[in-house]
Structure formats: C-alpha cells, structure tokens
Amino acid sequence: MARIRTIFDRADVAWQTAQLGRVDQGGGGTVAMFLANRNIDTVDAGVPVLSMHAPFEVISKLDLYMAYRGFGAFYRAQESDAERV
C-alpha cells in the first residue's frame, strides 16, 4: 500500500481508503478476493457508487476524474519500473 500511496501522492491524486467485507476474505465482493486468496498482492481500487446495481447509480465527477488520474499514474509508474529492468 505504501507504494500505491506514494504514486498517488506524487501525482496529486485525491484518494481515501475504505474497507469492504472481511479483510481475511480478500476484497469487497469483486474479483480481487479470488486473486488475494491465491497469495497475489491485490489492491481493489475504484470509484465509490451510491446505489450500485440500482436503476439509478450516482457517482461524483471528481471521484471519476481522480480515478482516471490515479490509474494513469499507476500505469506510468509500472512502465518506468519495467524500463529499469
């Protein structure tokens, strides 16, 4: 998590943590739990949604923009790590 936090902080991405479900089960109901159960380091990241799976879902435009910037920053960090190898 420290690496993810550093990437987001350097890219000036607003972020927050949350906990869904039980930590020992890995993830909050997404595919992340299947990866975590196989000892794969996993971070489940995404945009918070009000009334998910309902006829009208609501998200914040700023949350979506920060997710876009955060995913881009993470991708660029992985590219620069690959170039060093």
PDB file of N, CA and C in Angstrom:
ATOM      1  N   MET A   1       0.809  -1.205   0.000  1.00  0.00           N
ATOM      2  CA  MET A   1       0.000   0.000   0.000  1.00  0.00           C
ATOM      3  C   MET A   1       0.847   1.262   0.000  1.00  0.00           C
ATOM      4  N   ALA A   2       2.021   1.195   0.626  1.00  0.00           N
ATOM      5  CA  ALA A   2       2.863   2.384   0.676  1.00  0.00           C
ATOM      6  C   ALA A   2       3.250   2.837  -0.730  1.00  0.00           C
ATOM      7  N   ARG A   3       3.518   1.892  -1.607  1.00  0.00           N
ATOM      8  CA  ARG A   3       3.883   2.241  -2.989  1.00  0.00           C
ATOM      9  C   ARG A   3       2.718   2.923  -3.707  1.00  0.00           C
ATOM     10  N   ILE A   4       1.522   2.390  -3.553  1.00  0.00           N
ATOM     11  CA  ILE A   4       0.341   2.992  -4.178  1.00  0.00           C
ATOM     12  C   ILE A   4       0.110   4.396  -3.634  1.00  0.00           C
ATOM     13  N   ARG A   5       0.223   4.544  -2.321  1.00  0.00           N
ATOM     14  CA  ARG A   5       0.031   5.859  -1.713  1.00  0.00           C
ATOM     15  C   ARG A   5       1.050   6.855  -2.240  1.00  0.00           C
ATOM     16  N   THR A   6       2.300   6.417  -2.384  1.00  0.00           N
ATOM     17  CA  THR A   6       3.349   7.301  -2.896  1.00  0.00           C
ATOM     18  C   THR A   6       3.062   7.709  -4.335  1.00  0.00           C
ATOM     19  N   ILE A   7       2.657   6.764  -5.162  1.00  0.00           N
ATOM     20  CA  ILE A   7       2.330   7.066  -6.566  1.00  0.00           C
ATOM     21  C   ILE A   7       1.211   8.092  -6.633  1.00  0.00           C
ATOM     22  N   PHE A   8       0.136   7.869  -5.869  1.00  0.00           N
ATOM     23  CA  PHE A   8      -0.993   8.797  -5.894  1.00  0.00           C
ATOM     24  C   PHE A   8      -0.611  10.165  -5.340  1.00  0.00           C
ATOM     25  N   ASP A   9       0.158  10.193  -4.257  1.00  0.00           N
ATOM     26  CA  ASP A   9       0.556  11.473  -3.667  1.00  0.00           C
ATOM     27  C   ASP A   9       1.426  12.272  -4.628  1.00  0.00           C
ATOM     28  N   ARG A  10       2.371  11.613  -5.280  1.00  0.00           N
ATOM     29  CA  ARG A  10       3.246  12.314  -6.237  1.00  0.00           C
ATOM     30  C   ARG A  10       2.473  12.844  -7.436  1.00  0.00           C
ATOM     31  N   ALA A  11       1.404  12.164  -7.817  1.00  0.00           N
ATOM     32  CA  ALA A  11       0.586  12.600  -8.952  1.00  0.00           C
ATOM     33  C   ALA A  11      -0.517  13.562  -8.524  1.00  0.00           C
ATOM     34  N   ASP A  12      -0.521  13.939  -7.245  1.00  0.00           N
ATOM     35  CA  ASP A  12      -1.522  14.849  -6.693  1.00  0.00           C
ATOM     36  C   ASP A  12      -2.945  14.325  -6.912  1.00  0.00           C
ATOM     37  N   VAL A  13      -3.130  13.030  -6.646  1.00  0.00           N
ATOM     38  CA  VAL A  13      -4.435  12.381  -6.761  1.00  0.00           C
ATOM     39  C   VAL A  13      -5.072  12.346  -5.379  1.00  0.00           C
ATOM     40  N   ALA A  14      -6.289  12.843  -5.281  1.00  0.00           N
ATOM     41  CA  ALA A  14      -7.035  12.755  -4.024  1.00  0.00           C
ATOM     42  C   ALA A  14      -7.540  11.324  -3.885  1.00  0.00           C
ATOM     43  N   TRP A  15      -7.276  10.706  -2.723  1.00  0.00           N
ATOM     44  CA  TRP A  15      -7.676   9.315  -2.517  1.00  0.00           C
ATOM     45  C   TRP A  15      -8.068   9.109  -1.071  1.00  0.00           C
ATOM     46  N   GLN A  16      -8.776   8.034  -0.822  1.00  0.00           N
ATOM     47  CA  GLN A  16      -9.117   7.671   0.546  1.00  0.00           C
ATOM     48  C   GLN A  16      -9.226   6.151   0.608  1.00  0.00           C
ATOM     49  N   THR A  17      -9.096   5.621   1.800  1.00  0.00           N
ATOM     50  CA  THR A  17      -9.218   4.174   1.972  1.00  0.00           C
ATOM     51  C   THR A  17     -10.595   3.847   2.515  1.00  0.00           C
ATOM     52  N   ALA A  18     -11.000   2.627   2.272  1.00  0.00           N
ATOM     53  CA  ALA A  18     -12.255   2.116   2.814  1.00  0.00           C
ATOM     54  C   ALA A  18     -12.080   0.622   2.981  1.00  0.00           C
ATOM     55  N   GLN A  19     -12.931   0.042   3.766  1.00  0.00           N
ATOM     56  CA  GLN A  19     -12.864  -1.398   3.972  1.00  0.00           C
ATOM     57  C   GLN A  19     -14.229  -1.988   3.687  1.00  0.00           C
ATOM     58  N   LEU A  20     -14.244  -2.960   2.795  1.00  0.00           N
ATOM     59  CA  LEU A  20     -15.491  -3.633   2.446  1.00  0.00           C
ATOM     60  C   LEU A  20     -15.367  -5.104   2.798  1.00  0.00           C
ATOM     61  N   GLY A  21     -16.300  -5.621   3.478  1.00  0.00           N
ATOM     62  CA  GLY A  21     -16.257  -7.039   3.816  1.00  0.00           C
ATOM     63  C   GLY A  21     -15.194  -7.326   4.856  1.00  0.00           C
ATOM     64  N   ARG A  22     -14.839  -8.581   4.972  1.00  0.00           N
ATOM     65  CA  ARG A  22     -13.838  -9.001   5.937  1.00  0.00           C
ATOM     66  C   ARG A  22     -12.473  -9.040   5.270  1.00  0.00           C
ATOM     67  N   VAL A  23     -11.491  -8.486   5.938  1.00  0.00           N
ATOM     68  CA  VAL A  23     -10.149  -8.396   5.380  1.00  0.00           C
ATOM     69  C   VAL A  23      -9.585  -9.780   5.087  1.00  0.00           C
ATOM     70  N   ASP A  24      -9.843 -10.743   5.949  1.00  0.00           N
ATOM     71  CA  ASP A  24      -9.278 -12.077   5.750  1.00  0.00           C
ATOM     72  C   ASP A  24      -9.909 -12.834   4.582  1.00  0.00           C
ATOM     73  N   GLN A  25     -10.991 -12.298   4.015  1.00  0.00           N
ATOM     74  CA  GLN A  25     -11.598 -12.919   2.850  1.00  0.00           C
ATOM     75  C   GLN A  25     -11.145 -12.264   1.557  1.00  0.00           C
ATOM     76  N   GLY A  26     -10.445 -11.151   1.645  1.00  0.00           N
ATOM     77  CA  GLY A  26      -9.873 -10.503   0.476  1.00  0.00           C
ATOM     78  C   GLY A  26     -10.884  -9.833  -0.432  1.00  0.00           C
ATOM     79  N   GLY A  27     -10.999  -8.534  -0.351  1.00  0.00           N
ATOM     80  CA  GLY A  27     -11.828  -7.779  -1.276  1.00  0.00           C
ATOM     81  C   GLY A  27     -13.256  -7.591  -0.803  1.00  0.00           C
ATOM     82  N   GLY A  28     -13.957  -6.741  -1.489  1.00  0.00           N
ATOM     83  CA  GLY A  28     -15.328  -6.413  -1.127  1.00  0.00           C
ATOM     84  C   GLY A  28     -16.343  -6.968  -2.100  1.00  0.00           C
ATOM     85  N   GLY A  29     -16.131  -8.166  -2.589  1.00  0.00           N
ATOM     86  CA  GLY A  29     -17.095  -8.765  -3.493  1.00  0.00           C
ATOM     87  C   GLY A  29     -16.709  -8.646  -4.950  1.00  0.00           C
ATOM     88  N   THR A  30     -15.496  -8.236  -5.238  1.00  0.00           N
ATOM     89  CA  THR A  30     -15.036  -8.150  -6.615  1.00  0.00           C
ATOM     90  C   THR A  30     -14.076  -9.302  -6.892  1.00  0.00           C
ATOM     91  N   VAL A  31     -13.495  -9.299  -8.071  1.00  0.00           N
ATOM     92  CA  VAL A  31     -12.544 -10.346  -8.463  1.00  0.00           C
ATOM     93  C   VAL A  31     -11.288 -10.313  -7.586  1.00  0.00           C
ATOM     94  N   ALA A  32     -11.057  -9.229  -6.871  1.00  0.00           N
ATOM     95  CA  ALA A  32      -9.860  -9.109  -6.027  1.00  0.00           C
ATOM     96  C   ALA A  32      -9.791 -10.219  -4.992  1.00  0.00           C
ATOM     97  N   MET A  33     -10.927 -10.681  -4.493  1.00  0.00           N
ATOM     98  CA  MET A  33     -10.892 -11.725  -3.468  1.00  0.00           C
ATOM     99  C   MET A  33     -10.326 -13.035  -4.020  1.00  0.00           C
ATOM    100  N   PHE A  34     -10.555 -13.322  -5.291  1.00  0.00           N
ATOM    101  CA  PHE A  34     -10.023 -14.550  -5.883  1.00  0.00           C
ATOM    102  C   PHE A  34      -8.508 -14.472  -6.052  1.00  0.00           C
ATOM    103  N   LEU A  35      -8.007 -13.285  -6.378  1.00  0.00           N
ATOM    104  CA  LEU A  35      -6.561 -13.090  -6.506  1.00  0.00           C
ATOM    105  C   LEU A  35      -5.898 -13.122  -5.138  1.00  0.00           C
ATOM    106  N   ALA A  36      -6.486 -12.453  -4.170  1.00  0.00           N
ATOM    107  CA  ALA A  36      -5.919 -12.403  -2.826  1.00  0.00           C
ATOM    108  C   ALA A  36      -5.872 -13.785  -2.195  1.00  0.00           C
ATOM    109  N   ASN A  37      -6.853 -14.615  -2.478  1.00  0.00           N
ATOM    110  CA  ASN A  37      -6.878 -15.965  -1.923  1.00  0.00           C
ATOM    111  C   ASN A  37      -5.805 -16.871  -2.517  1.00  0.00           C
ATOM    112  N   ARG A  38      -5.128 -16.412  -3.564  1.00  0.00           N
ATOM    113  CA  ARG A  38      -4.027 -17.169  -4.164  1.00  0.00           C
ATOM    114  C   ARG A  38      -2.677 -16.508  -3.877  1.00  0.00           C
ATOM    115  N   ASN A  39      -2.643 -15.738  -2.795  1.00  0.00           N
ATOM    116  CA  ASN A  39      -1.431 -15.047  -2.339  1.00  0.00           C
ATOM    117  C   ASN A  39      -0.857 -14.087  -3.381  1.00  0.00           C
ATOM    118  N   ILE A  40      -1.705 -13.457  -4.158  1.00  0.00           N
ATOM    119  CA  ILE A  40      -1.296 -12.428  -5.107  1.00  0.00           C
ATOM    120  C   ILE A  40      -1.550 -11.086  -4.435  1.00  0.00           C
ATOM    121  N   ASP A  41      -0.522 -10.238  -4.357  1.00  0.00           N
ATOM    122  CA  ASP A  41      -0.715  -8.906  -3.775  1.00  0.00           C
ATOM    123  C   ASP A  41      -1.788  -8.181  -4.567  1.00  0.00           C
ATOM    124  N   THR A  42      -2.813  -7.708  -3.870  1.00  0.00           N
ATOM    125  CA  THR A  42      -4.003  -7.173  -4.528  1.00  0.00           C
ATOM    126  C   THR A  42      -4.446  -5.876  -3.878  1.00  0.00           C
ATOM    127  N   VAL A  43      -4.757  -4.894  -4.704  1.00  0.00           N
ATOM    128  CA  VAL A  43      -5.383  -3.664  -4.246  1.00  0.00           C
ATOM    129  C   VAL A  43      -6.659  -3.503  -5.060  1.00  0.00           C
ATOM    130  N   ASP A  44      -7.769  -3.377  -4.384  1.00  0.00           N
ATOM    131  CA  ASP A  44      -9.063  -3.198  -5.037  1.00  0.00           C
ATOM    132  C   ASP A  44      -9.352  -1.701  -5.035  1.00  0.00           C
ATOM    133  N   ALA A  45      -9.278  -1.066  -6.190  1.00  0.00           N
ATOM    134  CA  ALA A  45      -9.447   0.386  -6.280  1.00  0.00           C
ATOM    135  C   ALA A  45     -10.558   0.718  -7.265  1.00  0.00           C
ATOM    136  N   GLY A  46     -11.310   1.742  -6.947  1.00  0.00           N
ATOM    137  CA  GLY A  46     -12.369   2.149  -7.849  1.00  0.00           C
ATOM    138  C   GLY A  46     -13.118   3.353  -7.332  1.00  0.00           C
ATOM    139  N   VAL A  47     -14.130   3.730  -8.080  1.00  0.00           N
ATOM    140  CA  VAL A  47     -14.940   4.902  -7.773  1.00  0.00           C
ATOM    141  C   VAL A  47     -16.106   4.483  -6.868  1.00  0.00           C
ATOM    142  N   PRO A  48     -16.328   5.206  -5.768  1.00  0.00           N
ATOM    143  CA  PRO A  48     -17.486   4.887  -4.927  1.00  0.00           C
ATOM    144  C   PRO A  48     -18.790   5.204  -5.664  1.00  0.00           C
ATOM    145  N   VAL A  49     -19.739   4.289  -5.558  1.00  0.00           N
ATOM    146  CA  VAL A  49     -21.015   4.436  -6.253  1.00  0.00           C
ATOM    147  C   VAL A  49     -22.145   4.363  -5.237  1.00  0.00           C
ATOM    148  N   LEU A  50     -23.021   5.349  -5.280  1.00  0.00           N
ATOM    149  CA  LEU A  50     -24.219   5.338  -4.443  1.00  0.00           C
ATOM    150  C   LEU A  50     -25.307   4.562  -5.175  1.00  0.00           C
ATOM    151  N   SER A  51     -25.906   3.617  -4.511  1.00  0.00           N
ATOM    152  CA  SER A  51     -26.979   2.785  -5.079  1.00  0.00           C
ATOM    153  C   SER A  51     -26.474   1.906  -6.227  1.00  0.00           C
ATOM    154  N   MET A  52     -25.338   1.240  -5.999  1.00  0.00           N
ATOM    155  CA  MET A  52     -24.791   0.360  -7.023  1.00  0.00           C
ATOM    156  C   MET A  52     -25.785  -0.756  -7.340  1.00  0.00           C
ATOM    157  N   HIS A  53     -25.905  -1.095  -8.604  1.00  0.00           N
ATOM    158  CA  HIS A  53     -26.801  -2.135  -9.125  1.00  0.00           C
ATOM    159  C   HIS A  53     -28.265  -1.755  -8.970  1.00  0.00           C
ATOM    160  N   ALA A  54     -28.528  -0.482  -8.863  1.00  0.00           N
ATOM    161  CA  ALA A  54     -29.896   0.018  -8.806  1.00  0.00           C
ATOM    162  C   ALA A  54     -30.219   0.693 -10.145  1.00  0.00           C
ATOM    163  N   PRO A  55     -31.471   0.990 -10.414  1.00  0.00           N
ATOM    164  CA  PRO A  55     -31.801   1.639 -11.695  1.00  0.00           C
ATOM    165  C   PRO A  55     -31.083   2.976 -11.901  1.00  0.00           C
ATOM    166  N   PHE A  56     -30.793   3.694 -10.814  1.00  0.00           N
ATOM    167  CA  PHE A  56     -30.088   4.974 -10.918  1.00  0.00           C
ATOM    168  C   PHE A  56     -28.875   4.941 -10.000  1.00  0.00           C
ATOM    169  N   GLU A  57     -27.700   4.878 -10.592  1.00  0.00           N
ATOM    170  CA  GLU A  57     -26.460   4.896  -9.827  1.00  0.00           C
ATOM    171  C   GLU A  57     -25.878   6.300  -9.881  1.00  0.00           C
ATOM    172  N   VAL A  58     -25.270   6.734  -8.790  1.00  0.00           N
ATOM    173  CA  VAL A  58     -24.750   8.094  -8.711  1.00  0.00           C
ATOM    174  C   VAL A  58     -23.279   8.038  -8.295  1.00  0.00           C
ATOM    175  N   ILE A  59     -22.442   8.770  -9.045  1.00  0.00           N
ATOM    176  CA  ILE A  59     -21.043   8.941  -8.661  1.00  0.00           C
ATOM    177  C   ILE A  59     -20.704  10.417  -8.755  1.00  0.00           C
ATOM    178  N   SER A  60     -19.603  10.781  -8.135  1.00  0.00           N
ATOM    179  CA  SER A  60     -19.122  12.147  -8.202  1.00  0.00           C
ATOM    180  C   SER A  60     -18.200  12.294  -9.410  1.00  0.00           C
ATOM    181  N   LYS A  61     -18.352  13.377 -10.128  1.00  0.00           N
ATOM    182  CA  LYS A  61     -17.492  13.633 -11.280  1.00  0.00           C
ATOM    183  C   LYS A  61     -16.027  13.758 -10.843  1.00  0.00           C
ATOM    184  N   LEU A  62     -15.778  14.331  -9.687  1.00  0.00           N
ATOM    185  CA  LEU A  62     -14.414  14.459  -9.186  1.00  0.00           C
ATOM    186  C   LEU A  62     -13.830  13.089  -8.833  1.00  0.00           C
ATOM    187  N   ASP A  63     -14.642  12.208  -8.246  1.00  0.00           N
ATOM    188  CA  ASP A  63     -14.165  10.857  -7.946  1.00  0.00           C
ATOM    189  C   ASP A  63     -13.755  10.133  -9.231  1.00  0.00           C
ATOM    190  N   LEU A  64     -14.562  10.251 -10.259  1.00  0.00           N
ATOM    191  CA  LEU A  64     -14.246   9.609 -11.538  1.00  0.00           C
ATOM    192  C   LEU A  64     -12.961  10.177 -12.123  1.00  0.00           C
ATOM    193  N   TYR A  65     -12.800  11.489 -12.062  1.00  0.00           N
ATOM    194  CA  TYR A  65     -11.589  12.132 -12.599  1.00  0.00           C
ATOM    195  C   TYR A  65     -10.352  11.705 -11.807  1.00  0.00           C
ATOM    196  N   MET A  66     -10.460  11.636 -10.483  1.00  0.00           N
ATOM    197  CA  MET A  66      -9.316  11.215  -9.672  1.00  0.00           C
ATOM    198  C   MET A  66      -8.968   9.743  -9.927  1.00  0.00           C
ATOM    199  N   ALA A  67      -9.968   8.913 -10.160  1.00  0.00           N
ATOM    200  CA  ALA A  67      -9.697   7.507 -10.504  1.00  0.00           C
ATOM    201  C   ALA A  67      -8.941   7.444 -11.830  1.00  0.00           C
ATOM    202  N   TYR A  68      -9.367   8.218 -12.799  1.00  0.00           N
ATOM    203  CA  TYR A  68      -8.692   8.289 -14.099  1.00  0.00           C
ATOM    204  C   TYR A  68      -7.230   8.700 -13.922  1.00  0.00           C
ATOM    205  N   ARG A  69      -7.002   9.741 -13.137  1.00  0.00           N
ATOM    206  CA  ARG A  69      -5.633  10.210 -12.909  1.00  0.00           C
ATOM    207  C   ARG A  69      -4.820   9.197 -12.114  1.00  0.00           C
ATOM    208  N   GLY A  70      -5.448   8.568 -11.121  1.00  0.00           N
ATOM    209  CA  GLY A  70      -4.748   7.572 -10.308  1.00  0.00           C
ATOM    210  C   GLY A  70      -4.350   6.345 -11.106  1.00  0.00           C
ATOM    211  N   PHE A  71      -5.269   5.832 -11.939  1.00  0.00           N
ATOM    212  CA  PHE A  71      -4.945   4.671 -12.759  1.00  0.00           C
ATOM    213  C   PHE A  71      -3.845   5.008 -13.751  1.00  0.00           C
ATOM    214  N   GLY A  72      -3.885   6.218 -14.312  1.00  0.00           N
ATOM    215  CA  GLY A  72      -2.830   6.647 -15.233  1.00  0.00           C
ATOM    216  C   GLY A  72      -1.481   6.754 -14.541  1.00  0.00           C
ATOM    217  N   ALA A  73      -1.470   7.297 -13.342  1.00  0.00           N
ATOM    218  CA  ALA A  73      -0.215   7.424 -12.585  1.00  0.00           C
ATOM    219  C   ALA A  73       0.342   6.047 -12.252  1.00  0.00           C
ATOM    220  N   PHE A  74      -0.526   5.113 -11.877  1.00  0.00           N
ATOM    221  CA  PHE A  74      -0.080   3.755 -11.575  1.00  0.00           C
ATOM    222  C   PHE A  74       0.504   3.095 -12.818  1.00  0.00           C
ATOM    223  N   TYR A  75      -0.149   3.246 -13.943  1.00  0.00           N
ATOM    224  CA  TYR A  75       0.332   2.663 -15.204  1.00  0.00           C
ATOM    225  C   TYR A  75       1.694   3.231 -15.577  1.00  0.00           C
ATOM    226  N   ARG A  76       1.842   4.545 -15.476  1.00  0.00           N
ATOM    227  CA  ARG A  76       3.138   5.178 -15.804  1.00  0.00           C
ATOM    228  C   ARG A  76       4.234   4.701 -14.859  1.00  0.00           C
ATOM    229  N   ALA A  77       3.910   4.495 -13.593  1.00  0.00           N
ATOM    230  CA  ALA A  77       4.906   4.005 -12.629  1.00  0.00           C
ATOM    231  C   ALA A  77       5.340   2.593 -12.987  1.00  0.00           C
ATOM    232  N   GLN A  78       4.408   1.768 -13.450  1.00  0.00           N
ATOM    233  CA  GLN A  78       4.760   0.405 -13.850  1.00  0.00           C
ATOM    234  C   GLN A  78       5.634   0.418 -15.092  1.00  0.00           C
ATOM    235  N   GLU A  79       5.345   1.327 -16.030  1.00  0.00           N
ATOM    236  CA  GLU A  79       6.171   1.446 -17.236  1.00  0.00           C
ATOM    237  C   GLU A  79       7.592   1.839 -16.883  1.00  0.00           C
ATOM    238  N   SER A  80       7.745   2.805 -15.973  1.00  0.00           N
ATOM    239  CA  SER A  80       9.097   3.250 -15.615  1.00  0.00           C
ATOM    240  C   SER A  80       9.839   2.162 -14.862  1.00  0.00           C
ATOM    241  N   ASP A  81       9.140   1.348 -14.070  1.00  0.00           N
ATOM    242  CA  ASP A  81       9.782   0.214 -13.385  1.00  0.00           C
ATOM    243  C   ASP A  81      10.262  -0.820 -14.400  1.00  0.00           C
ATOM    244  N   ALA A  82       9.478  -1.057 -15.431  1.00  0.00           N
ATOM    245  CA  ALA A  82       9.837  -2.052 -16.453  1.00  0.00           C
ATOM    246  C   ALA A  82      11.062  -1.600 -17.261  1.00  0.00           C
ATOM    247  N   GLU A  83      11.180  -0.289 -17.466  1.00  0.00           N
ATOM    248  CA  GLU A  83      12.324   0.230 -18.222  1.00  0.00           C
ATOM    249  C   GLU A  83      13.625   0.081 -17.439  1.00  0.00           C
ATOM    250  N   ARG A  84      13.541   0.080 -16.122  1.00  0.00           N
ATOM    251  CA  ARG A  84      14.739  -0.026 -15.289  1.00  0.00           C
ATOM    252  C   ARG A  84      15.291  -1.449 -15.274  1.00  0.00           C
ATOM    253  N   VAL A  85      14.453  -2.417 -15.584  1.00  0.00           N
ATOM    254  CA  VAL A  85      14.894  -3.831 -15.508  1.00  0.00           C
ATOM    255  C   VAL A  85      15.661  -4.232 -16.741  1.00  0.00           C
TER     256      VAL A  85
END
